[in-house]
Amino acid sequence: MSCYYCDRRSCDCGANRLYKDKIGGMISGVFSGLGEFLGINKTFLRILGILGIFMTGPIVILIYFIAALVMAEKPLRLYQ
């Protein structure tokens, strides 16, 4: 299987890392980046996040903001 971005079999372009997607994101890009990394629709992850807030309270919000601080931003060269 080759890389989607650079079309090489083994690459170091950083495309298969977990990044915040600021352009596709709504607040900080955490769910958008996570959805791209896992291959899941970002809207589905956002709905799960909202349901998680109702079920667990502020724990999901705290985890979201920690992830927003820890995750690196997606480099501009990876946007198409």
PDB file of N, CA and C in Angstrom:
ATOM      1  N   MET A   1       0.848  -1.179   0.000  1.00  0.00           N
ATOM      2  CA  MET A   1       0.000   0.000   0.000  1.00  0.00           C
ATOM      3  C   MET A   1       0.889   1.237   0.000  1.00  0.00           C
ATOM      4  N   SER A   2       0.608   2.169  -0.858  1.00  0.00           N
ATOM      5  CA  SER A   2       1.430   3.365  -0.957  1.00  0.00           C
ATOM      6  C   SER A   2       0.779   4.532  -0.217  1.00  0.00           C
ATOM      7  N   CYS A   3       1.604   5.526   0.059  1.00  0.00           N
ATOM      8  CA  CYS A   3       1.148   6.717   0.769  1.00  0.00           C
ATOM      9  C   CYS A   3       0.185   7.505  -0.114  1.00  0.00           C
ATOM     10  N   TYR A   4      -0.880   8.004   0.479  1.00  0.00           N
ATOM     11  CA  TYR A   4      -1.870   8.780  -0.248  1.00  0.00           C
ATOM     12  C   TYR A   4      -1.303  10.116  -0.728  1.00  0.00           C
ATOM     13  N   TYR A   5      -0.393  10.689   0.031  1.00  0.00           N
ATOM     14  CA  TYR A   5       0.105  12.024  -0.270  1.00  0.00           C
ATOM     15  C   TYR A   5       1.325  12.030  -1.189  1.00  0.00           C
ATOM     16  N   CYS A   6       2.276  11.119  -0.957  1.00  0.00           N
ATOM     17  CA  CYS A   6       3.501  11.174  -1.754  1.00  0.00           C
ATOM     18  C   CYS A   6       3.632   9.990  -2.703  1.00  0.00           C
ATOM     19  N   ASP A   7       2.737   9.026  -2.648  1.00  0.00           N
ATOM     20  CA  ASP A   7       2.661   7.875  -3.561  1.00  0.00           C
ATOM     21  C   ASP A   7       3.902   6.985  -3.492  1.00  0.00           C
ATOM     22  N   ARG A   8       4.528   6.914  -2.335  1.00  0.00           N
ATOM     23  CA  ARG A   8       5.642   5.986  -2.127  1.00  0.00           C
ATOM     24  C   ARG A   8       5.194   4.894  -1.174  1.00  0.00           C
ATOM     25  N   ARG A   9       5.843   3.733  -1.294  1.00  0.00           N
ATOM     26  CA  ARG A   9       5.458   2.602  -0.446  1.00  0.00           C
ATOM     27  C   ARG A   9       5.781   2.876   1.024  1.00  0.00           C
ATOM     28  N   SER A  10       6.954   3.340   1.322  1.00  0.00           N
ATOM     29  CA  SER A  10       7.290   3.734   2.688  1.00  0.00           C
ATOM     30  C   SER A  10       7.780   5.172   2.635  1.00  0.00           C
ATOM     31  N   CYS A  11       7.173   6.006   3.411  1.00  0.00           N
ATOM     32  CA  CYS A  11       7.504   7.425   3.323  1.00  0.00           C
ATOM     33  C   CYS A  11       7.702   8.021   4.710  1.00  0.00           C
ATOM     34  N   ASP A  12       8.254   9.194   4.721  1.00  0.00           N
ATOM     35  CA  ASP A  12       8.423   9.943   5.955  1.00  0.00           C
ATOM     36  C   ASP A  12       7.794  11.323   5.830  1.00  0.00           C
ATOM     37  N   CYS A  13       6.737  11.402   5.022  1.00  0.00           N
ATOM     38  CA  CYS A  13       6.109  12.702   4.777  1.00  0.00           C
ATOM     39  C   CYS A  13       5.249  13.151   5.952  1.00  0.00           C
ATOM     40  N   GLY A  14       4.962  12.289   6.907  1.00  0.00           N
ATOM     41  CA  GLY A  14       4.186  12.667   8.080  1.00  0.00           C
ATOM     42  C   GLY A  14       2.687  12.605   7.875  1.00  0.00           C
ATOM     43  N   ALA A  15       2.237  12.040   6.767  1.00  0.00           N
ATOM     44  CA  ALA A  15       0.809  12.011   6.472  1.00  0.00           C
ATOM     45  C   ALA A  15       0.045  11.043   7.364  1.00  0.00           C
ATOM     46  N   ASN A  16       0.713  10.047   7.917  1.00  0.00           N
ATOM     47  CA  ASN A  16       0.013   9.058   8.729  1.00  0.00           C
ATOM     48  C   ASN A  16       0.129   9.353  10.224  1.00  0.00           C
ATOM     49  N   ARG A  17       0.378  10.597  10.588  1.00  0.00           N
ATOM     50  CA  ARG A  17       0.424  11.010  11.979  1.00  0.00           C
ATOM     51  C   ARG A  17      -0.882  11.685  12.375  1.00  0.00           C
ATOM     52  N   LEU A  18      -1.086  11.795  13.660  1.00  0.00           N
ATOM     53  CA  LEU A  18      -2.283  12.439  14.192  1.00  0.00           C
ATOM     54  C   LEU A  18      -2.025  13.933  14.330  1.00  0.00           C
ATOM     55  N   TYR A  19      -2.782  14.723  13.575  1.00  0.00           N
ATOM     56  CA  TYR A  19      -2.650  16.177  13.597  1.00  0.00           C
ATOM     57  C   TYR A  19      -4.000  16.819  13.868  1.00  0.00           C
ATOM     58  N   LYS A  20      -3.964  18.080  14.357  1.00  0.00           N
ATOM     59  CA  LYS A  20      -5.167  18.899  14.389  1.00  0.00           C
ATOM     60  C   LYS A  20      -5.372  19.451  12.988  1.00  0.00           C
ATOM     61  N   ASP A  21      -6.597  19.398  12.505  1.00  0.00           N
ATOM     62  CA  ASP A  21      -6.912  19.917  11.172  1.00  0.00           C
ATOM     63  C   ASP A  21      -7.632  21.247  11.343  1.00  0.00           C
ATOM     64  N   LYS A  22      -6.869  22.344  11.355  1.00  0.00           N
ATOM     65  CA  LYS A  22      -7.445  23.668  11.598  1.00  0.00           C
ATOM     66  C   LYS A  22      -8.376  24.114  10.475  1.00  0.00           C
ATOM     67  N   ILE A  23      -8.093  23.716   9.247  1.00  0.00           N
ATOM     68  CA  ILE A  23      -8.919  24.154   8.123  1.00  0.00           C
ATOM     69  C   ILE A  23     -10.257  23.408   8.108  1.00  0.00           C
ATOM     70  N   GLY A  24     -10.241  22.118   8.375  1.00  0.00           N
ATOM     71  CA  GLY A  24     -11.472  21.332   8.369  1.00  0.00           C
ATOM     72  C   GLY A  24     -12.179  21.301   9.706  1.00  0.00           C
ATOM     73  N   GLY A  25     -11.566  21.876  10.731  1.00  0.00           N
ATOM     74  CA  GLY A  25     -12.126  21.826  12.065  1.00  0.00           C
ATOM     75  C   GLY A  25     -13.075  22.972  12.352  1.00  0.00           C
ATOM     76  N   MET A  26     -13.829  22.840  13.428  1.00  0.00           N
ATOM     77  CA  MET A  26     -14.765  23.887  13.824  1.00  0.00           C
ATOM     78  C   MET A  26     -14.208  24.717  14.986  1.00  0.00           C
ATOM     79  N   ILE A  27     -13.716  24.065  16.019  1.00  0.00           N
ATOM     80  CA  ILE A  27     -13.191  24.792  17.176  1.00  0.00           C
ATOM     81  C   ILE A  27     -11.666  24.802  17.126  1.00  0.00           C
ATOM     82  N   SER A  28     -11.060  23.645  17.327  1.00  0.00           N
ATOM     83  CA  SER A  28      -9.599  23.590  17.266  1.00  0.00           C
ATOM     84  C   SER A  28      -9.100  22.537  16.292  1.00  0.00           C
ATOM     85  N   GLY A  29      -9.990  21.750  15.705  1.00  0.00           N
ATOM     86  CA  GLY A  29      -9.607  20.764  14.703  1.00  0.00           C
ATOM     87  C   GLY A  29      -9.280  19.391  15.243  1.00  0.00           C
ATOM     88  N   VAL A  30      -9.575  19.133  16.511  1.00  0.00           N
ATOM     89  CA  VAL A  30      -9.248  17.840  17.115  1.00  0.00           C
ATOM     90  C   VAL A  30     -10.072  16.725  16.481  1.00  0.00           C
ATOM     91  N   PHE A  31     -11.388  16.889  16.419  1.00  0.00           N
ATOM     92  CA  PHE A  31     -12.232  15.834  15.848  1.00  0.00           C
ATOM     93  C   PHE A  31     -11.988  15.657  14.354  1.00  0.00           C
ATOM     94  N   SER A  32     -11.702  16.726  13.664  1.00  0.00           N
ATOM     95  CA  SER A  32     -11.419  16.641  12.242  1.00  0.00           C
ATOM     96  C   SER A  32     -10.122  15.872  11.991  1.00  0.00           C
ATOM     97  N   GLY A  33      -9.096  16.176  12.761  1.00  0.00           N
ATOM     98  CA  GLY A  33      -7.830  15.460  12.631  1.00  0.00           C
ATOM     99  C   GLY A  33      -7.937  14.013  13.060  1.00  0.00           C
ATOM    100  N   LEU A  34      -8.682  13.758  14.125  1.00  0.00           N
ATOM    101  CA  LEU A  34      -8.871  12.389  14.592  1.00  0.00           C
ATOM    102  C   LEU A  34      -9.657  11.574  13.578  1.00  0.00           C
ATOM    103  N   GLY A  35     -10.665  12.195  12.979  1.00  0.00           N
ATOM    104  CA  GLY A  35     -11.449  11.499  11.959  1.00  0.00           C
ATOM    105  C   GLY A  35     -10.627  11.160  10.738  1.00  0.00           C
ATOM    106  N   GLU A  36      -9.762  12.068  10.326  1.00  0.00           N
ATOM    107  CA  GLU A  36      -8.896  11.796   9.173  1.00  0.00           C
ATOM    108  C   GLU A  36      -7.889  10.697   9.493  1.00  0.00           C
ATOM    109  N   PHE A  37      -7.362  10.702  10.721  1.00  0.00           N
ATOM    110  CA  PHE A  37      -6.385   9.700  11.133  1.00  0.00           C
ATOM    111  C   PHE A  37      -7.003   8.304  11.206  1.00  0.00           C
ATOM    112  N   LEU A  38      -8.235   8.223  11.739  1.00  0.00           N
ATOM    113  CA  LEU A  38      -8.901   6.935  11.906  1.00  0.00           C
ATOM    114  C   LEU A  38      -9.718   6.510  10.696  1.00  0.00           C
ATOM    115  N   GLY A  39      -9.939   7.425   9.762  1.00  0.00           N
ATOM    116  CA  GLY A  39     -10.761   7.111   8.598  1.00  0.00           C
ATOM    117  C   GLY A  39     -12.247   7.135   8.907  1.00  0.00           C
ATOM    118  N   ILE A  40     -12.641   7.939   9.887  1.00  0.00           N
ATOM    119  CA  ILE A  40     -14.036   8.054  10.314  1.00  0.00           C
ATOM    120  C   ILE A  40     -14.525   9.462   9.975  1.00  0.00           C
ATOM    121  N   ASN A  41     -15.803   9.580   9.678  1.00  0.00           N
ATOM    122  CA  ASN A  41     -16.393  10.881   9.378  1.00  0.00           C
ATOM    123  C   ASN A  41     -16.278  11.789  10.595  1.00  0.00           C
ATOM    124  N   LYS A  42     -15.798  13.019  10.385  1.00  0.00           N
ATOM    125  CA  LYS A  42     -15.612  13.952  11.502  1.00  0.00           C
ATOM    126  C   LYS A  42     -16.931  14.356  12.139  1.00  0.00           C
ATOM    127  N   THR A  43     -18.014  14.376  11.368  1.00  0.00           N
ATOM    128  CA  THR A  43     -19.323  14.705  11.931  1.00  0.00           C
ATOM    129  C   THR A  43     -19.764  13.628  12.926  1.00  0.00           C
ATOM    130  N   PHE A  44     -19.487  12.371  12.606  1.00  0.00           N
ATOM    131  CA  PHE A  44     -19.811  11.269  13.510  1.00  0.00           C
ATOM    132  C   PHE A  44     -19.046  11.422  14.824  1.00  0.00           C
ATOM    133  N   LEU A  45     -17.777  11.795  14.747  1.00  0.00           N
ATOM    134  CA  LEU A  45     -16.992  11.998  15.966  1.00  0.00           C
ATOM    135  C   LEU A  45     -17.506  13.183  16.774  1.00  0.00           C
ATOM    136  N   ARG A  46     -17.940  14.216  16.100  1.00  0.00           N
ATOM    137  CA  ARG A  46     -18.496  15.374  16.805  1.00  0.00           C
ATOM    138  C   ARG A  46     -19.772  14.999  17.544  1.00  0.00           C
ATOM    139  N   ILE A  47     -20.628  14.200  16.912  1.00  0.00           N
ATOM    140  CA  ILE A  47     -21.859  13.740  17.565  1.00  0.00           C
ATOM    141  C   ILE A  47     -21.517  12.870  18.765  1.00  0.00           C
ATOM    142  N   LEU A  48     -20.528  11.983  18.609  1.00  0.00           N
ATOM    143  CA  LEU A  48     -20.097  11.169  19.750  1.00  0.00           C
ATOM    144  C   LEU A  48     -19.549  12.045  20.877  1.00  0.00           C
ATOM    145  N   GLY A  49     -18.844  13.113  20.528  1.00  0.00           N
ATOM    146  CA  GLY A  49     -18.329  14.028  21.538  1.00  0.00           C
ATOM    147  C   GLY A  49     -19.441  14.728  22.300  1.00  0.00           C
ATOM    148  N   ILE A  50     -20.477  15.148  21.587  1.00  0.00           N
ATOM    149  CA  ILE A  50     -21.615  15.804  22.244  1.00  0.00           C
ATOM    150  C   ILE A  50     -22.355  14.823  23.143  1.00  0.00           C
ATOM    151  N   LEU A  51     -22.558  13.600  22.652  1.00  0.00           N
ATOM    152  CA  LEU A  51     -23.188  12.573  23.494  1.00  0.00           C
ATOM    153  C   LEU A  51     -22.325  12.269  24.717  1.00  0.00           C
ATOM    154  N   GLY A  52     -21.019  12.251  24.528  1.00  0.00           N
ATOM    155  CA  GLY A  52     -20.113  12.010  25.650  1.00  0.00           C
ATOM    156  C   GLY A  52     -20.189  13.100  26.697  1.00  0.00           C
ATOM    157  N   ILE A  53     -20.414  14.340  26.267  1.00  0.00           N
ATOM    158  CA  ILE A  53     -20.575  15.440  27.223  1.00  0.00           C
ATOM    159  C   ILE A  53     -21.815  15.228  28.077  1.00  0.00           C
ATOM    160  N   PHE A  54     -22.905  14.805  27.453  1.00  0.00           N
ATOM    161  CA  PHE A  54     -24.134  14.564  28.208  1.00  0.00           C
ATOM    162  C   PHE A  54     -24.016  13.363  29.135  1.00  0.00           C
ATOM    163  N   MET A  55     -23.206  12.385  28.750  1.00  0.00           N
ATOM    164  CA  MET A  55     -23.099  11.160  29.552  1.00  0.00           C
ATOM    165  C   MET A  55     -22.066  11.280  30.675  1.00  0.00           C
ATOM    166  N   THR A  56     -20.967  11.969  30.427  1.00  0.00           N
ATOM    167  CA  THR A  56     -19.901  12.013  31.425  1.00  0.00           C
ATOM    168  C   THR A  56     -19.675  13.395  32.016  1.00  0.00           C
ATOM    169  N   GLY A  57     -20.312  14.395  31.475  1.00  0.00           N
ATOM    170  CA  GLY A  57     -20.132  15.742  32.000  1.00  0.00           C
ATOM    171  C   GLY A  57     -18.853  16.380  31.481  1.00  0.00           C
ATOM    172  N   PRO A  58     -18.166  17.084  32.336  1.00  0.00           N
ATOM    173  CA  PRO A  58     -17.008  17.871  31.886  1.00  0.00           C
ATOM    174  C   PRO A  58     -15.762  17.053  31.557  1.00  0.00           C
ATOM    175  N   ILE A  59     -15.789  15.744  31.754  1.00  0.00           N
ATOM    176  CA  ILE A  59     -14.611  14.927  31.475  1.00  0.00           C
ATOM    177  C   ILE A  59     -14.248  14.976  29.997  1.00  0.00           C
ATOM    178  N   VAL A  60     -15.228  14.880  29.120  1.00  0.00           N
ATOM    179  CA  VAL A  60     -14.979  14.917  27.680  1.00  0.00           C
ATOM    180  C   VAL A  60     -14.450  16.289  27.266  1.00  0.00           C
ATOM    181  N   ILE A  61     -14.966  17.336  27.856  1.00  0.00           N
ATOM    182  CA  ILE A  61     -14.489  18.689  27.542  1.00  0.00           C
ATOM    183  C   ILE A  61     -13.031  18.843  27.973  1.00  0.00           C
ATOM    184  N   LEU A  62     -12.693  18.315  29.131  1.00  0.00           N
ATOM    185  CA  LEU A  62     -11.317  18.377  29.621  1.00  0.00           C
ATOM    186  C   LEU A  62     -10.377  17.592  28.703  1.00  0.00           C
ATOM    187  N   ILE A  63     -10.786  16.396  28.303  1.00  0.00           N
ATOM    188  CA  ILE A  63      -9.973  15.581  27.393  1.00  0.00           C
ATOM    189  C   ILE A  63      -9.810  16.278  26.052  1.00  0.00           C
ATOM    190  N   TYR A  64     -10.861  16.924  25.564  1.00  0.00           N
ATOM    191  CA  TYR A  64     -10.798  17.640  24.294  1.00  0.00           C
ATOM    192  C   TYR A  64      -9.772  18.771  24.363  1.00  0.00           C
ATOM    193  N   PHE A  65      -9.806  19.566  25.415  1.00  0.00           N
ATOM    194  CA  PHE A  65      -8.875  20.685  25.519  1.00  0.00           C
ATOM    195  C   PHE A  65      -7.439  20.220  25.755  1.00  0.00           C
ATOM    196  N   ILE A  66      -7.251  19.121  26.462  1.00  0.00           N
ATOM    197  CA  ILE A  66      -5.903  18.564  26.609  1.00  0.00           C
ATOM    198  C   ILE A  66      -5.389  18.091  25.250  1.00  0.00           C
ATOM    199  N   ALA A  67      -6.253  17.420  24.483  1.00  0.00           N
ATOM    200  CA  ALA A  67      -5.855  16.979  23.144  1.00  0.00           C
ATOM    201  C   ALA A  67      -5.541  18.167  22.243  1.00  0.00           C
ATOM    202  N   ALA A  68      -6.302  19.249  22.376  1.00  0.00           N
ATOM    203  CA  ALA A  68      -6.046  20.443  21.566  1.00  0.00           C
ATOM    204  C   ALA A  68      -4.695  21.070  21.902  1.00  0.00           C
ATOM    205  N   LEU A  69      -4.274  20.959  23.149  1.00  0.00           N
ATOM    206  CA  LEU A  69      -2.975  21.495  23.538  1.00  0.00           C
ATOM    207  C   LEU A  69      -1.821  20.588  23.129  1.00  0.00           C
ATOM    208  N   VAL A  70      -2.043  19.280  23.168  1.00  0.00           N
ATOM    209  CA  VAL A  70      -0.970  18.319  22.931  1.00  0.00           C
ATOM    210  C   VAL A  70      -0.754  18.036  21.440  1.00  0.00           C
ATOM    211  N   MET A  71      -1.831  17.963  20.673  1.00  0.00           N
ATOM    212  CA  MET A  71      -1.722  17.597  19.256  1.00  0.00           C
ATOM    213  C   MET A  71      -1.053  18.704  18.449  1.00  0.00           C
ATOM    214  N   ALA A  72      -0.205  18.296  17.521  1.00  0.00           N
ATOM    215  CA  ALA A  72       0.456  19.252  16.627  1.00  0.00           C
ATOM    216  C   ALA A  72      -0.501  19.634  15.494  1.00  0.00           C
ATOM    217  N   GLU A  73      -0.300  20.825  14.932  1.00  0.00           N
ATOM    218  CA  GLU A  73      -1.115  21.258  13.805  1.00  0.00           C
ATOM    219  C   GLU A  73      -0.644  20.569  12.536  1.00  0.00           C
ATOM    220  N   LYS A  74      -1.577  20.331  11.638  1.00  0.00           N
ATOM    221  CA  LYS A  74      -1.262  19.675  10.376  1.00  0.00           C
ATOM    222  C   LYS A  74      -0.423  20.619   9.511  1.00  0.00           C
ATOM    223  N   PRO A  75       0.709  20.145   8.995  1.00  0.00           N
ATOM    224  CA  PRO A  75       1.545  21.001   8.144  1.00  0.00           C
ATOM    225  C   PRO A  75       0.812  21.383   6.854  1.00  0.00           C
ATOM    226  N   LEU A  76       1.088  22.567   6.364  1.00  0.00           N
ATOM    227  CA  LEU A  76       0.413  23.064   5.161  1.00  0.00           C
ATOM    228  C   LEU A  76       0.690  22.199   3.928  1.00  0.00           C
ATOM    229  N   ARG A  77       1.841  21.537   3.893  1.00  0.00           N
ATOM    230  CA  ARG A  77       2.154  20.718   2.720  1.00  0.00           C
ATOM    231  C   ARG A  77       1.268  19.478   2.607  1.00  0.00           C
ATOM    232  N   LEU A  78       0.568  19.110   3.685  1.00  0.00           N
ATOM    233  CA  LEU A  78      -0.299  17.931   3.651  1.00  0.00           C
ATOM    234  C   LEU A  78      -1.724  18.270   3.193  1.00  0.00           C
ATOM    235  N   TYR A  79      -2.047  19.560   3.094  1.00  0.00           N
ATOM    236  CA  TYR A  79      -3.355  19.958   2.568  1.00  0.00           C
ATOM    237  C   TYR A  79      -3.320  19.883   1.064  1.00  0.00           C
ATOM    238  N   GLN A  80      -4.416  19.457   0.473  1.00  0.00           N
ATOM    239  CA  GLN A  80      -4.441  19.352  -0.991  1.00  0.00           C
ATOM    240  C   GLN A  80      -5.311  20.419  -1.579  1.00  0.00           C
TER     241      GLN A  80
END
